[in-house]
Structures are given as structure tokens and as C-alpha cells.
Amino acid sequence: MENNNVREIIQKNIRKKNHFSDKIMPKIFLFMALISVVTTFGIVYTLIFDSIKFFSQVPISEVFSTKLSPLSKNPSFGFLPLLNGTLLTTIIAMLVAVPIGMAAAIYLSQFASEQIRKILKPVLEVLAGIPTIVYGFFAYSFVTPLLMKLIPSLGAKNVLSPGIVMGIMIIPMVASLSEDAMNAVPEIMKEGAMELGSTKLETTTKVIIPASIS
């Protein structure tokens, strides 16, 4: 009986309270969700509408050509040069980011002391938070002139400079993902390799890295 009375009192107090926030907040959340949905549909609509407008004036066969000069008197809109430049830039970026990022991850997860980790981890996080426009300015004002001095035949418009800077930009991501994968390797595998006489470097290269990749 006492429990029922307490329950009735609680329910009466709940009814007396003004639940304005409980009524309005779901509507606000719904409005926010609708904004994202409407934005997505707007982007899709714009892409479809502009694509139809573009292909009504340019034949599809021209898009697959190797010429790209949209501002010339006889414009051409081949996307293969863009695709080629993107692939080359990506390959160069991976050649820069993967070795450096993996080396940083190996050091942080296996060799660095706790004090050094407290210093290097924030530095990598700061590097990851730098806006891309800053990297672009760095590539244009520093990396490109430096490469042109080292390689005289290299022009101002090249894929080497953006590839290197893009690689520097994604080093924190590669290092973070690699470190998480290495830390996920069971400790018993590391201890077993050490007990069998493997050095720390051998354990890292022959046990931890293969296990983290798999």
C-alpha cells in the first residue's frame, strides 16, 4: 500500500510539472535532422540538374578524351588528365605517408616511453587539425619553389609538390590507425615472442605488424 501511495504521489507531481522542454526539444531535433536530409537532397538535385545541363551541350565521348581546356576558344572537357593527376598525387602521397606514419606508429606503440608519448601524440593531433588551405599555401610558397631548385626541369604545375604535401597531411591519420591496430594485438603474442628469445625489434616486425595487418 505504501509503495502504491508513493507511486501515486510521484505521478501527480510529474503531471503538475511543466514539460515544455520535453515537448519542444523533439521538434527541434526533428528540424535539425530535416536540415541534413534537405541539404543532401539539394546536393543530389544540383548534381543531377547540372549534369543534365552539361551533357546536353557536351557529348559524352568528349568527356573521355585526353584534352582539358575549358576556358579556350574551342573548349574541351576531357576528365582523363584530372584522373591521371589524381592517381599520381595519391600514389606519391601514399609513398610519403605510409612509411613515415608506420614508423611513427611503431615507435609510439612499442618503443616510446610514456613521457615521450605525451609529447608526440599532441603534436600529431595538431598536425591533423591544420586546415587544408594552409597545406596548399605551404605547397605553393615553399615546397614547389624548393623542388624547382632541386629539379630544374620541374615546372610550377606538377604533381610532385601536392603529392608530398598531401602525404604530410595524412601522416597523422596513418600513424593513428596503425598505432590502434598494433595496440589491438594481444599482449600474450608479444610476451610469447619475447620469451622465445626474440628482440623487441624482431617481435615488432615479425609478430606485431603481421598480426595488426591481419
N, C-alpha and C. Protein backbone atom coordinates (compact mmCIF):
# COMPACT_ATOMS: atom_id res chain seq x y z
N MET A 1 0.83 -1.20 0.00
CA MET A 1 0.00 0.00 0.00
C MET A 1 0.86 1.26 0.00
N GLU A 2 1.88 1.25 0.85
CA GLU A 2 2.75 2.43 0.92
C GLU A 2 3.43 2.68 -0.42
N ASN A 3 3.85 1.60 -1.09
CA ASN A 3 4.50 1.76 -2.39
C ASN A 3 3.54 2.35 -3.41
N ASN A 4 2.27 1.92 -3.36
CA ASN A 4 1.28 2.46 -4.28
C ASN A 4 1.03 3.93 -4.03
N ASN A 5 0.99 4.31 -2.75
CA ASN A 5 0.78 5.71 -2.41
C ASN A 5 1.94 6.58 -2.89
N VAL A 6 3.15 6.07 -2.69
CA VAL A 6 4.33 6.82 -3.14
C VAL A 6 4.31 6.97 -4.65
N ARG A 7 3.92 5.90 -5.34
CA ARG A 7 3.87 5.94 -6.81
C ARG A 7 2.83 6.95 -7.29
N GLU A 8 1.68 6.98 -6.62
CA GLU A 8 0.63 7.94 -7.00
C GLU A 8 1.10 9.38 -6.77
N ILE A 9 1.80 9.60 -5.66
CA ILE A 9 2.30 10.95 -5.37
C ILE A 9 3.30 11.38 -6.43
N ILE A 10 4.18 10.46 -6.82
CA ILE A 10 5.19 10.78 -7.84
C ILE A 10 4.51 11.10 -9.17
N GLN A 11 3.52 10.30 -9.55
CA GLN A 11 2.82 10.53 -10.81
C GLN A 11 2.09 11.87 -10.80
N LYS A 12 1.49 12.24 -9.66
CA LYS A 12 0.81 13.53 -9.57
C LYS A 12 1.79 14.68 -9.71
N ASN A 13 2.96 14.54 -9.08
CA ASN A 13 3.98 15.59 -9.19
C ASN A 13 4.48 15.73 -10.63
N ILE A 14 4.59 14.58 -11.31
CA ILE A 14 5.04 14.62 -12.71
C ILE A 14 4.02 15.33 -13.58
N ARG A 15 2.73 15.07 -13.33
CA ARG A 15 1.68 15.71 -14.12
C ARG A 15 1.65 17.21 -13.88
N LYS A 16 1.96 17.63 -12.66
CA LYS A 16 1.91 19.05 -12.33
C LYS A 16 3.05 19.84 -12.97
N LYS A 17 4.15 19.16 -13.24
CA LYS A 17 5.31 19.86 -13.79
C LYS A 17 5.05 20.30 -15.22
N ASN A 18 5.70 21.38 -15.58
CA ASN A 18 5.57 21.89 -16.94
C ASN A 18 6.63 21.21 -17.81
N HIS A 19 6.19 20.38 -18.73
CA HIS A 19 7.11 19.64 -19.58
C HIS A 19 7.24 20.32 -20.94
N PHE A 20 7.46 21.61 -20.91
CA PHE A 20 7.61 22.35 -22.16
C PHE A 20 8.84 21.88 -22.94
N SER A 21 9.94 21.67 -22.20
CA SER A 21 11.17 21.24 -22.88
C SER A 21 11.02 19.86 -23.49
N ASP A 22 10.28 18.97 -22.81
CA ASP A 22 10.07 17.63 -23.36
C ASP A 22 9.24 17.66 -24.63
N LYS A 23 8.40 18.67 -24.77
CA LYS A 23 7.56 18.77 -25.96
C LYS A 23 8.28 19.47 -27.11
N ILE A 24 9.08 20.49 -26.78
CA ILE A 24 9.69 21.29 -27.84
C ILE A 24 11.00 20.70 -28.34
N MET A 25 11.77 20.03 -27.47
CA MET A 25 13.08 19.53 -27.88
C MET A 25 13.00 18.47 -28.98
N PRO A 26 12.06 17.50 -28.92
CA PRO A 26 11.97 16.56 -30.05
C PRO A 26 11.69 17.24 -31.37
N LYS A 27 10.90 18.33 -31.35
CA LYS A 27 10.63 19.06 -32.58
C LYS A 27 11.89 19.76 -33.09
N ILE A 28 12.69 20.27 -32.17
CA ILE A 28 13.95 20.91 -32.57
C ILE A 28 14.89 19.87 -33.18
N PHE A 29 14.97 18.70 -32.53
CA PHE A 29 15.83 17.63 -33.06
C PHE A 29 15.35 17.18 -34.44
N LEU A 30 14.02 17.09 -34.61
CA LEU A 30 13.47 16.71 -35.91
C LEU A 30 13.82 17.75 -36.97
N PHE A 31 13.74 19.02 -36.59
CA PHE A 31 14.08 20.10 -37.53
C PHE A 31 15.54 20.01 -37.95
N MET A 32 16.43 19.74 -36.99
CA MET A 32 17.85 19.60 -37.30
C MET A 32 18.09 18.42 -38.24
N ALA A 33 17.39 17.31 -37.97
CA ALA A 33 17.55 16.14 -38.84
C ALA A 33 17.04 16.44 -40.25
N LEU A 34 15.93 17.18 -40.34
CA LEU A 34 15.39 17.52 -41.66
C LEU A 34 16.33 18.43 -42.44
N ILE A 35 17.07 19.28 -41.73
CA ILE A 35 18.04 20.15 -42.41
C ILE A 35 19.08 19.32 -43.14
N SER A 36 19.61 18.29 -42.46
CA SER A 36 20.61 17.44 -43.10
C SER A 36 20.02 16.68 -44.28
N VAL A 37 18.76 16.22 -44.13
CA VAL A 37 18.12 15.48 -45.23
C VAL A 37 17.89 16.39 -46.42
N VAL A 38 17.36 17.60 -46.16
CA VAL A 38 17.10 18.55 -47.24
C VAL A 38 18.40 18.96 -47.93
N THR A 39 19.46 19.15 -47.14
CA THR A 39 20.75 19.51 -47.71
C THR A 39 21.26 18.41 -48.63
N THR A 40 21.12 17.16 -48.20
CA THR A 40 21.56 16.03 -49.03
C THR A 40 20.79 15.98 -50.34
N PHE A 41 19.46 16.12 -50.25
CA PHE A 41 18.65 16.11 -51.47
C PHE A 41 19.00 17.30 -52.36
N GLY A 42 19.32 18.45 -51.75
CA GLY A 42 19.71 19.62 -52.54
C GLY A 42 20.99 19.38 -53.31
N ILE A 43 21.96 18.74 -52.66
CA ILE A 43 23.22 18.44 -53.33
C ILE A 43 23.00 17.47 -54.49
N VAL A 44 22.21 16.41 -54.22
CA VAL A 44 21.94 15.42 -55.27
C VAL A 44 21.19 16.07 -56.44
N TYR A 45 20.21 16.91 -56.12
CA TYR A 45 19.44 17.58 -57.18
C TYR A 45 20.34 18.49 -58.01
N THR A 46 21.22 19.24 -57.34
CA THR A 46 22.12 20.14 -58.07
C THR A 46 23.05 19.36 -58.99
N LEU A 47 23.59 18.25 -58.48
CA LEU A 47 24.48 17.43 -59.31
C LEU A 47 23.76 16.88 -60.53
N ILE A 48 22.55 16.36 -60.32
CA ILE A 48 21.80 15.78 -61.43
C ILE A 48 21.41 16.86 -62.44
N PHE A 49 20.89 17.99 -61.94
CA PHE A 49 20.43 19.06 -62.83
C PHE A 49 21.59 19.63 -63.64
N ASP A 50 22.71 19.93 -62.97
CA ASP A 50 23.86 20.48 -63.69
C ASP A 50 24.48 19.46 -64.64
N SER A 51 24.44 18.18 -64.27
CA SER A 51 24.97 17.15 -65.16
C SER A 51 24.14 17.04 -66.43
N ILE A 52 22.82 17.07 -66.27
CA ILE A 52 21.94 17.02 -67.45
C ILE A 52 22.18 18.24 -68.34
N LYS A 53 22.32 19.39 -67.72
CA LYS A 53 22.57 20.62 -68.49
C LYS A 53 23.92 20.55 -69.21
N PHE A 54 24.93 19.98 -68.53
CA PHE A 54 26.26 19.88 -69.13
C PHE A 54 26.26 18.92 -70.31
N PHE A 55 25.69 17.72 -70.10
CA PHE A 55 25.73 16.71 -71.16
C PHE A 55 24.77 17.03 -72.31
N SER A 56 23.87 17.97 -72.11
CA SER A 56 23.05 18.41 -73.23
C SER A 56 23.84 19.27 -74.20
N GLN A 57 24.98 19.81 -73.76
CA GLN A 57 25.81 20.65 -74.60
C GLN A 57 27.13 19.98 -75.01
N VAL A 58 27.58 19.02 -74.19
CA VAL A 58 28.86 18.35 -74.45
C VAL A 58 28.59 16.85 -74.62
N PRO A 59 29.04 16.25 -75.72
CA PRO A 59 28.84 14.81 -75.89
C PRO A 59 29.65 14.00 -74.88
N ILE A 60 29.13 12.85 -74.53
CA ILE A 60 29.80 12.01 -73.52
C ILE A 60 31.17 11.56 -74.01
N SER A 61 31.30 11.32 -75.31
CA SER A 61 32.58 10.85 -75.84
C SER A 61 33.70 11.86 -75.60
N GLU A 62 33.36 13.16 -75.57
CA GLU A 62 34.38 14.18 -75.35
C GLU A 62 34.88 14.17 -73.91
N VAL A 63 34.04 13.72 -73.00
CA VAL A 63 34.44 13.67 -71.59
C VAL A 63 35.57 12.67 -71.39
N PHE A 64 35.62 11.62 -72.20
CA PHE A 64 36.64 10.59 -72.07
C PHE A 64 37.87 10.87 -72.92
N SER A 65 38.01 12.09 -73.39
CA SER A 65 39.19 12.45 -74.17
C SER A 65 40.33 12.85 -73.23
N THR A 66 41.49 13.06 -73.82
CA THR A 66 42.68 13.41 -73.03
C THR A 66 42.96 14.91 -73.03
N LYS A 67 42.08 15.70 -73.60
CA LYS A 67 42.27 17.14 -73.66
C LYS A 67 41.37 17.83 -72.65
N LEU A 68 41.95 18.76 -71.90
CA LEU A 68 41.20 19.52 -70.92
C LEU A 68 41.58 20.99 -71.03
N SER A 69 40.71 21.77 -71.64
CA SER A 69 40.93 23.22 -71.75
C SER A 69 39.57 23.90 -71.79
N PRO A 70 38.90 23.99 -70.65
CA PRO A 70 37.53 24.51 -70.63
C PRO A 70 37.43 26.00 -70.92
N LEU A 71 38.52 26.76 -70.82
CA LEU A 71 38.46 28.21 -70.99
C LEU A 71 39.01 28.67 -72.34
N SER A 72 39.39 27.75 -73.20
CA SER A 72 39.93 28.14 -74.51
C SER A 72 38.79 28.47 -75.48
N LYS A 73 39.17 28.94 -76.67
CA LYS A 73 38.16 29.28 -77.68
C LYS A 73 37.40 28.04 -78.13
N ASN A 74 38.12 26.94 -78.24
CA ASN A 74 37.49 25.65 -78.56
C ASN A 74 37.62 24.76 -77.32
N PRO A 75 36.72 24.92 -76.38
CA PRO A 75 36.88 24.20 -75.10
C PRO A 75 36.74 22.70 -75.25
N SER A 76 37.51 22.00 -74.44
CA SER A 76 37.42 20.54 -74.36
C SER A 76 37.34 20.16 -72.89
N PHE A 77 36.62 19.08 -72.61
CA PHE A 77 36.30 18.75 -71.22
C PHE A 77 36.68 17.32 -70.87
N GLY A 78 37.80 16.86 -71.38
CA GLY A 78 38.24 15.51 -71.03
C GLY A 78 38.66 15.42 -69.57
N PHE A 79 38.18 14.40 -68.88
CA PHE A 79 38.49 14.27 -67.46
C PHE A 79 39.67 13.33 -67.21
N LEU A 80 40.19 12.69 -68.25
CA LEU A 80 41.31 11.77 -68.05
C LEU A 80 42.56 12.46 -67.49
N PRO A 81 42.89 13.69 -67.91
CA PRO A 81 44.02 14.36 -67.25
C PRO A 81 43.79 14.58 -65.75
N LEU A 82 42.55 14.89 -65.37
CA LEU A 82 42.24 15.05 -63.95
C LEU A 82 42.40 13.72 -63.21
N LEU A 83 41.90 12.65 -63.83
CA LEU A 83 42.02 11.33 -63.22
C LEU A 83 43.48 10.91 -63.09
N ASN A 84 44.26 11.17 -64.13
CA ASN A 84 45.68 10.83 -64.10
C ASN A 84 46.41 11.61 -63.01
N GLY A 85 46.13 12.91 -62.92
CA GLY A 85 46.77 13.72 -61.88
C GLY A 85 46.37 13.30 -60.48
N THR A 86 45.10 12.93 -60.32
CA THR A 86 44.63 12.48 -59.00
C THR A 86 45.31 11.18 -58.58
N LEU A 87 45.42 10.24 -59.52
CA LEU A 87 46.06 8.96 -59.20
C LEU A 87 47.54 9.14 -58.88
N LEU A 88 48.23 9.96 -59.67
CA LEU A 88 49.66 10.19 -59.41
C LEU A 88 49.86 10.87 -58.07
N THR A 89 49.03 11.87 -57.78
CA THR A 89 49.14 12.57 -56.50
C THR A 89 48.88 11.63 -55.33
N THR A 90 47.89 10.76 -55.49
CA THR A 90 47.56 9.80 -54.43
C THR A 90 48.70 8.82 -54.20
N ILE A 91 49.30 8.33 -55.29
CA ILE A 91 50.41 7.38 -55.16
C ILE A 91 51.59 8.03 -54.45
N ILE A 92 51.92 9.26 -54.84
CA ILE A 92 53.03 9.97 -54.20
C ILE A 92 52.73 10.21 -52.72
N ALA A 93 51.48 10.59 -52.43
CA ALA A 93 51.10 10.84 -51.04
C ALA A 93 51.22 9.57 -50.20
N MET A 94 50.81 8.43 -50.75
CA MET A 94 50.91 7.18 -50.01
C MET A 94 52.37 6.77 -49.81
N LEU A 95 53.21 7.03 -50.83
CA LEU A 95 54.64 6.71 -50.69
C LEU A 95 55.29 7.55 -49.59
N VAL A 96 54.76 8.74 -49.36
CA VAL A 96 55.29 9.60 -48.29
C VAL A 96 54.68 9.23 -46.95
N ALA A 97 53.36 9.05 -46.91
CA ALA A 97 52.65 8.92 -45.64
C ALA A 97 52.80 7.54 -45.00
N VAL A 98 52.76 6.48 -45.81
CA VAL A 98 52.76 5.14 -45.23
C VAL A 98 54.06 4.81 -44.49
N PRO A 99 55.24 5.01 -45.10
CA PRO A 99 56.47 4.69 -44.34
C PRO A 99 56.63 5.55 -43.09
N ILE A 100 56.39 6.86 -43.22
CA ILE A 100 56.57 7.75 -42.07
C ILE A 100 55.52 7.47 -41.00
N GLY A 101 54.27 7.31 -41.43
CA GLY A 101 53.20 7.03 -40.47
C GLY A 101 53.38 5.70 -39.77
N MET A 102 53.79 4.68 -40.51
CA MET A 102 54.04 3.37 -39.90
C MET A 102 55.21 3.44 -38.91
N ALA A 103 56.27 4.14 -39.31
CA ALA A 103 57.42 4.27 -38.41
C ALA A 103 57.03 5.00 -37.13
N ALA A 104 56.23 6.06 -37.27
CA ALA A 104 55.78 6.79 -36.08
C ALA A 104 54.90 5.91 -35.20
N ALA A 105 54.03 5.12 -35.82
CA ALA A 105 53.16 4.24 -35.05
C ALA A 105 53.95 3.15 -34.32
N ILE A 106 54.95 2.59 -35.00
CA ILE A 106 55.79 1.56 -34.36
C ILE A 106 56.52 2.14 -33.16
N TYR A 107 57.06 3.33 -33.34
CA TYR A 107 57.81 3.93 -32.23
C TYR A 107 56.89 4.27 -31.06
N LEU A 108 55.73 4.86 -31.36
CA LEU A 108 54.83 5.27 -30.29
C LEU A 108 54.24 4.08 -29.54
N SER A 109 53.93 3.01 -30.26
CA SER A 109 53.26 1.88 -29.62
C SER A 109 54.22 0.89 -28.98
N GLN A 110 55.47 0.84 -29.45
CA GLN A 110 56.36 -0.22 -28.98
C GLN A 110 57.62 0.28 -28.27
N PHE A 111 58.10 1.44 -28.61
CA PHE A 111 59.41 1.86 -28.11
C PHE A 111 59.37 3.13 -27.26
N ALA A 112 58.41 4.00 -27.50
CA ALA A 112 58.41 5.30 -26.81
C ALA A 112 57.99 5.14 -25.36
N SER A 113 58.61 5.94 -24.51
CA SER A 113 58.20 5.97 -23.10
C SER A 113 56.91 6.79 -22.97
N GLU A 114 56.31 6.70 -21.81
CA GLU A 114 55.05 7.41 -21.59
C GLU A 114 55.23 8.92 -21.69
N GLN A 115 56.35 9.43 -21.24
CA GLN A 115 56.60 10.87 -21.31
C GLN A 115 56.74 11.34 -22.75
N ILE A 116 57.44 10.56 -23.57
CA ILE A 116 57.60 10.94 -24.97
C ILE A 116 56.26 10.84 -25.70
N ARG A 117 55.48 9.82 -25.36
CA ARG A 117 54.15 9.69 -25.97
C ARG A 117 53.28 10.91 -25.67
N LYS A 118 53.37 11.41 -24.46
CA LYS A 118 52.57 12.58 -24.08
C LYS A 118 52.97 13.82 -24.87
N ILE A 119 54.20 13.83 -25.39
CA ILE A 119 54.66 14.97 -26.19
C ILE A 119 54.32 14.78 -27.67
N LEU A 120 54.60 13.58 -28.20
CA LEU A 120 54.45 13.35 -29.63
C LEU A 120 52.99 13.21 -30.06
N LYS A 121 52.16 12.59 -29.24
CA LYS A 121 50.76 12.40 -29.62
C LYS A 121 50.04 13.73 -29.85
N PRO A 122 50.17 14.71 -28.94
CA PRO A 122 49.53 16.01 -29.22
C PRO A 122 50.07 16.69 -30.47
N VAL A 123 51.38 16.51 -30.74
CA VAL A 123 51.95 17.11 -31.94
C VAL A 123 51.30 16.53 -33.20
N LEU A 124 51.11 15.22 -33.22
CA LEU A 124 50.44 14.59 -34.36
C LEU A 124 49.00 15.05 -34.48
N GLU A 125 48.33 15.21 -33.34
CA GLU A 125 46.94 15.66 -33.37
C GLU A 125 46.84 17.10 -33.88
N VAL A 126 47.81 17.93 -33.50
CA VAL A 126 47.83 19.31 -34.02
C VAL A 126 48.06 19.31 -35.52
N LEU A 127 48.95 18.44 -35.99
CA LEU A 127 49.21 18.33 -37.42
C LEU A 127 47.96 17.91 -38.17
N ALA A 128 47.16 17.04 -37.56
CA ALA A 128 45.92 16.59 -38.20
C ALA A 128 44.87 17.69 -38.23
N GLY A 129 44.97 18.66 -37.32
CA GLY A 129 43.96 19.72 -37.25
C GLY A 129 44.26 20.94 -38.09
N ILE A 130 45.39 20.95 -38.80
CA ILE A 130 45.73 22.10 -39.64
C ILE A 130 44.81 22.13 -40.86
N PRO A 131 44.21 23.27 -41.18
CA PRO A 131 43.31 23.34 -42.35
C PRO A 131 44.04 23.01 -43.65
N THR A 132 43.32 22.44 -44.59
CA THR A 132 43.92 22.04 -45.86
C THR A 132 44.43 23.24 -46.65
N ILE A 133 43.79 24.39 -46.48
CA ILE A 133 44.24 25.57 -47.22
C ILE A 133 45.64 25.99 -46.78
N VAL A 134 45.98 25.72 -45.52
CA VAL A 134 47.33 26.02 -45.03
C VAL A 134 48.34 25.10 -45.71
N TYR A 135 47.97 23.82 -45.85
CA TYR A 135 48.84 22.90 -46.57
C TYR A 135 49.01 23.33 -48.03
N GLY A 136 47.93 23.80 -48.64
CA GLY A 136 48.02 24.26 -50.01
C GLY A 136 48.95 25.45 -50.16
N PHE A 137 48.84 26.39 -49.24
CA PHE A 137 49.73 27.55 -49.27
C PHE A 137 51.18 27.14 -49.03
N PHE A 138 51.38 26.17 -48.13
CA PHE A 138 52.72 25.66 -47.86
C PHE A 138 53.32 25.00 -49.10
N ALA A 139 52.49 24.24 -49.82
CA ALA A 139 52.96 23.60 -51.05
C ALA A 139 53.31 24.63 -52.11
N TYR A 140 52.47 25.66 -52.22
CA TYR A 140 52.67 26.66 -53.28
C TYR A 140 53.85 27.58 -52.99
N SER A 141 54.01 27.98 -51.74
CA SER A 141 55.00 29.01 -51.41
C SER A 141 56.36 28.43 -50.99
N PHE A 142 56.40 27.17 -50.57
CA PHE A 142 57.67 26.63 -50.07
C PHE A 142 58.10 25.37 -50.82
N VAL A 143 57.22 24.36 -50.87
CA VAL A 143 57.62 23.07 -51.44
C VAL A 143 57.89 23.18 -52.93
N THR A 144 56.98 23.83 -53.67
CA THR A 144 57.16 23.94 -55.11
C THR A 144 58.43 24.70 -55.49
N PRO A 145 58.70 25.89 -54.92
CA PRO A 145 59.98 26.56 -55.24
C PRO A 145 61.20 25.73 -54.87
N LEU A 146 61.13 25.00 -53.75
CA LEU A 146 62.25 24.16 -53.35
C LEU A 146 62.48 23.03 -54.35
N LEU A 147 61.41 22.40 -54.79
CA LEU A 147 61.54 21.32 -55.77
C LEU A 147 62.04 21.84 -57.11
N MET A 148 61.63 23.05 -57.49
CA MET A 148 62.10 23.62 -58.75
C MET A 148 63.59 23.94 -58.70
N LYS A 149 64.10 24.25 -57.51
CA LYS A 149 65.54 24.47 -57.38
C LYS A 149 66.30 23.14 -57.43
N LEU A 150 65.72 22.11 -56.80
CA LEU A 150 66.38 20.81 -56.78
C LEU A 150 66.27 20.10 -58.13
N ILE A 151 65.13 20.30 -58.80
CA ILE A 151 64.89 19.66 -60.10
C ILE A 151 64.57 20.78 -61.10
N PRO A 152 65.57 21.33 -61.78
CA PRO A 152 65.34 22.48 -62.66
C PRO A 152 64.33 22.22 -63.77
N SER A 153 64.22 20.99 -64.22
CA SER A 153 63.29 20.68 -65.31
C SER A 153 61.84 20.61 -64.83
N LEU A 154 61.62 20.68 -63.54
CA LEU A 154 60.27 20.58 -62.98
C LEU A 154 59.56 21.92 -63.09
N GLY A 155 58.36 21.91 -63.63
CA GLY A 155 57.60 23.14 -63.79
C GLY A 155 56.85 23.50 -62.52
N ALA A 156 56.23 24.68 -62.55
CA ALA A 156 55.47 25.14 -61.39
C ALA A 156 54.22 24.30 -61.18
N LYS A 157 53.63 23.82 -62.29
CA LYS A 157 52.46 22.97 -62.19
C LYS A 157 52.91 21.52 -62.30
N ASN A 158 52.99 20.85 -61.17
CA ASN A 158 53.44 19.47 -61.14
C ASN A 158 52.65 18.71 -60.08
N VAL A 159 52.75 17.39 -60.11
CA VAL A 159 52.03 16.56 -59.14
C VAL A 159 52.92 16.17 -57.97
N LEU A 160 54.22 16.42 -58.09
CA LEU A 160 55.13 16.01 -57.02
C LEU A 160 54.91 16.84 -55.75
N SER A 161 54.78 18.14 -55.92
CA SER A 161 54.60 19.02 -54.76
C SER A 161 53.30 18.74 -54.01
N PRO A 162 52.13 18.72 -54.67
CA PRO A 162 50.91 18.39 -53.92
C PRO A 162 50.92 16.97 -53.38
N GLY A 163 51.58 16.04 -54.07
CA GLY A 163 51.65 14.68 -53.56
C GLY A 163 52.42 14.61 -52.25
N ILE A 164 53.55 15.31 -52.19
CA ILE A 164 54.36 15.31 -50.96
C ILE A 164 53.59 15.96 -49.82
N VAL A 165 52.98 17.11 -50.09
CA VAL A 165 52.26 17.83 -49.03
C VAL A 165 51.02 17.05 -48.59
N MET A 166 50.34 16.41 -49.54
CA MET A 166 49.19 15.59 -49.16
C MET A 166 49.64 14.41 -48.30
N GLY A 167 50.81 13.85 -48.62
CA GLY A 167 51.34 12.78 -47.79
C GLY A 167 51.63 13.25 -46.38
N ILE A 168 52.20 14.45 -46.25
CA ILE A 168 52.44 15.01 -44.92
C ILE A 168 51.12 15.22 -44.18
N MET A 169 50.10 15.62 -44.92
CA MET A 169 48.80 15.90 -44.31
C MET A 169 48.15 14.65 -43.72
N ILE A 170 48.34 13.50 -44.37
CA ILE A 170 47.66 12.28 -43.89
C ILE A 170 48.56 11.42 -43.00
N ILE A 171 49.77 11.89 -42.70
CA ILE A 171 50.63 11.14 -41.78
C ILE A 171 49.95 10.89 -40.44
N PRO A 172 49.32 11.90 -39.81
CA PRO A 172 48.66 11.63 -38.52
C PRO A 172 47.59 10.55 -38.59
N MET A 173 46.83 10.52 -39.68
CA MET A 173 45.79 9.51 -39.82
C MET A 173 46.40 8.11 -39.95
N VAL A 174 47.44 8.00 -40.78
CA VAL A 174 48.10 6.70 -40.95
C VAL A 174 48.73 6.25 -39.63
N ALA A 175 49.38 7.18 -38.94
CA ALA A 175 50.03 6.84 -37.67
C ALA A 175 49.00 6.42 -36.62
N SER A 176 47.89 7.14 -36.54
CA SER A 176 46.87 6.84 -35.54
C SER A 176 46.22 5.48 -35.80
N LEU A 177 45.84 5.22 -37.05
CA LEU A 177 45.22 3.94 -37.39
C LEU A 177 46.19 2.78 -37.18
N SER A 178 47.44 2.98 -37.56
CA SER A 178 48.43 1.91 -37.40
C SER A 178 48.71 1.64 -35.93
N GLU A 179 48.78 2.70 -35.14
CA GLU A 179 49.03 2.52 -33.71
C GLU A 179 47.88 1.79 -33.04
N ASP A 180 46.65 2.15 -33.39
CA ASP A 180 45.49 1.46 -32.82
C ASP A 180 45.49 -0.02 -33.19
N ALA A 181 45.86 -0.32 -34.44
CA ALA A 181 45.90 -1.72 -34.87
C ALA A 181 46.98 -2.50 -34.11
N MET A 182 48.13 -1.87 -33.89
CA MET A 182 49.21 -2.55 -33.16
C MET A 182 48.85 -2.73 -31.69
N ASN A 183 48.20 -1.76 -31.11
CA ASN A 183 47.80 -1.88 -29.70
C ASN A 183 46.71 -2.93 -29.51
N ALA A 184 45.98 -3.25 -30.60
CA ALA A 184 44.92 -4.25 -30.50
C ALA A 184 45.46 -5.68 -30.54
N VAL A 185 46.75 -5.85 -30.87
CA VAL A 185 47.35 -7.19 -30.89
C VAL A 185 47.42 -7.70 -29.45
N PRO A 186 46.97 -8.93 -29.20
CA PRO A 186 47.01 -9.46 -27.82
C PRO A 186 48.41 -9.43 -27.22
N GLU A 187 48.49 -9.04 -25.98
CA GLU A 187 49.78 -8.93 -25.30
C GLU A 187 50.47 -10.28 -25.18
N ILE A 188 49.68 -11.35 -25.16
CA ILE A 188 50.27 -12.69 -24.99
C ILE A 188 51.14 -13.06 -26.20
N MET A 189 50.80 -12.55 -27.39
CA MET A 189 51.62 -12.83 -28.56
C MET A 189 52.98 -12.14 -28.44
N LYS A 190 52.97 -10.92 -27.96
CA LYS A 190 54.22 -10.19 -27.76
C LYS A 190 55.07 -10.87 -26.69
N GLU A 191 54.44 -11.23 -25.58
CA GLU A 191 55.18 -11.88 -24.50
C GLU A 191 55.73 -13.23 -24.93
N GLY A 192 54.95 -13.98 -25.73
CA GLY A 192 55.42 -15.28 -26.20
C GLY A 192 56.64 -15.15 -27.09
N ALA A 193 56.64 -14.15 -27.98
CA ALA A 193 57.81 -13.94 -28.84
C ALA A 193 59.03 -13.53 -28.03
N MET A 194 58.82 -12.69 -27.03
CA MET A 194 59.94 -12.27 -26.19
C MET A 194 60.49 -13.44 -25.38
N GLU A 195 59.60 -14.32 -24.91
CA GLU A 195 60.04 -15.48 -24.13
C GLU A 195 60.85 -16.45 -24.99
N LEU A 196 60.56 -16.50 -26.29
CA LEU A 196 61.29 -17.39 -27.18
C LEU A 196 62.64 -16.82 -27.61
N GLY A 197 62.98 -15.65 -27.11
CA GLY A 197 64.29 -15.07 -27.38
C GLY A 197 64.32 -13.99 -28.44
N SER A 198 63.17 -13.57 -28.93
CA SER A 198 63.14 -12.52 -29.94
C SER A 198 63.45 -11.17 -29.31
N THR A 199 64.14 -10.34 -30.05
CA THR A 199 64.38 -8.98 -29.58
C THR A 199 63.10 -8.16 -29.76
N LYS A 200 63.12 -6.95 -29.22
CA LYS A 200 61.94 -6.10 -29.32
C LYS A 200 61.65 -5.74 -30.78
N LEU A 201 62.72 -5.50 -31.54
CA LEU A 201 62.55 -5.17 -32.95
C LEU A 201 62.02 -6.36 -33.73
N GLU A 202 62.56 -7.55 -33.46
CA GLU A 202 62.08 -8.75 -34.14
C GLU A 202 60.63 -9.04 -33.78
N THR A 203 60.28 -8.84 -32.53
CA THR A 203 58.89 -9.05 -32.11
C THR A 203 57.95 -8.09 -32.83
N THR A 204 58.42 -6.86 -32.99
CA THR A 204 57.58 -5.85 -33.66
C THR A 204 57.40 -6.17 -35.13
N THR A 205 58.50 -6.49 -35.82
CA THR A 205 58.44 -6.68 -37.27
C THR A 205 57.87 -8.03 -37.67
N LYS A 206 58.08 -9.07 -36.85
CA LYS A 206 57.68 -10.42 -37.25
C LYS A 206 56.40 -10.91 -36.57
N VAL A 207 55.97 -10.22 -35.52
CA VAL A 207 54.78 -10.67 -34.80
C VAL A 207 53.70 -9.59 -34.79
N ILE A 208 54.05 -8.42 -34.27
CA ILE A 208 53.03 -7.39 -34.05
C ILE A 208 52.51 -6.81 -35.36
N ILE A 209 53.42 -6.44 -36.27
CA ILE A 209 52.98 -5.84 -37.53
C ILE A 209 52.16 -6.83 -38.37
N PRO A 210 52.62 -8.08 -38.58
CA PRO A 210 51.77 -9.03 -39.34
C PRO A 210 50.42 -9.27 -38.67
N ALA A 211 50.42 -9.36 -37.33
CA ALA A 211 49.16 -9.59 -36.63
C ALA A 211 48.22 -8.39 -36.75
N SER A 212 48.78 -7.19 -36.72
CA SER A 212 47.93 -5.99 -36.84
C SER A 212 47.38 -5.84 -38.24
N ILE A 213 48.12 -6.29 -39.25
CA ILE A 213 47.63 -6.21 -40.63
C ILE A 213 46.51 -7.21 -40.86
N SER A 214 46.65 -8.39 -40.27
CA SER A 214 45.62 -9.42 -40.46
C SER A 214 44.38 -9.10 -39.65
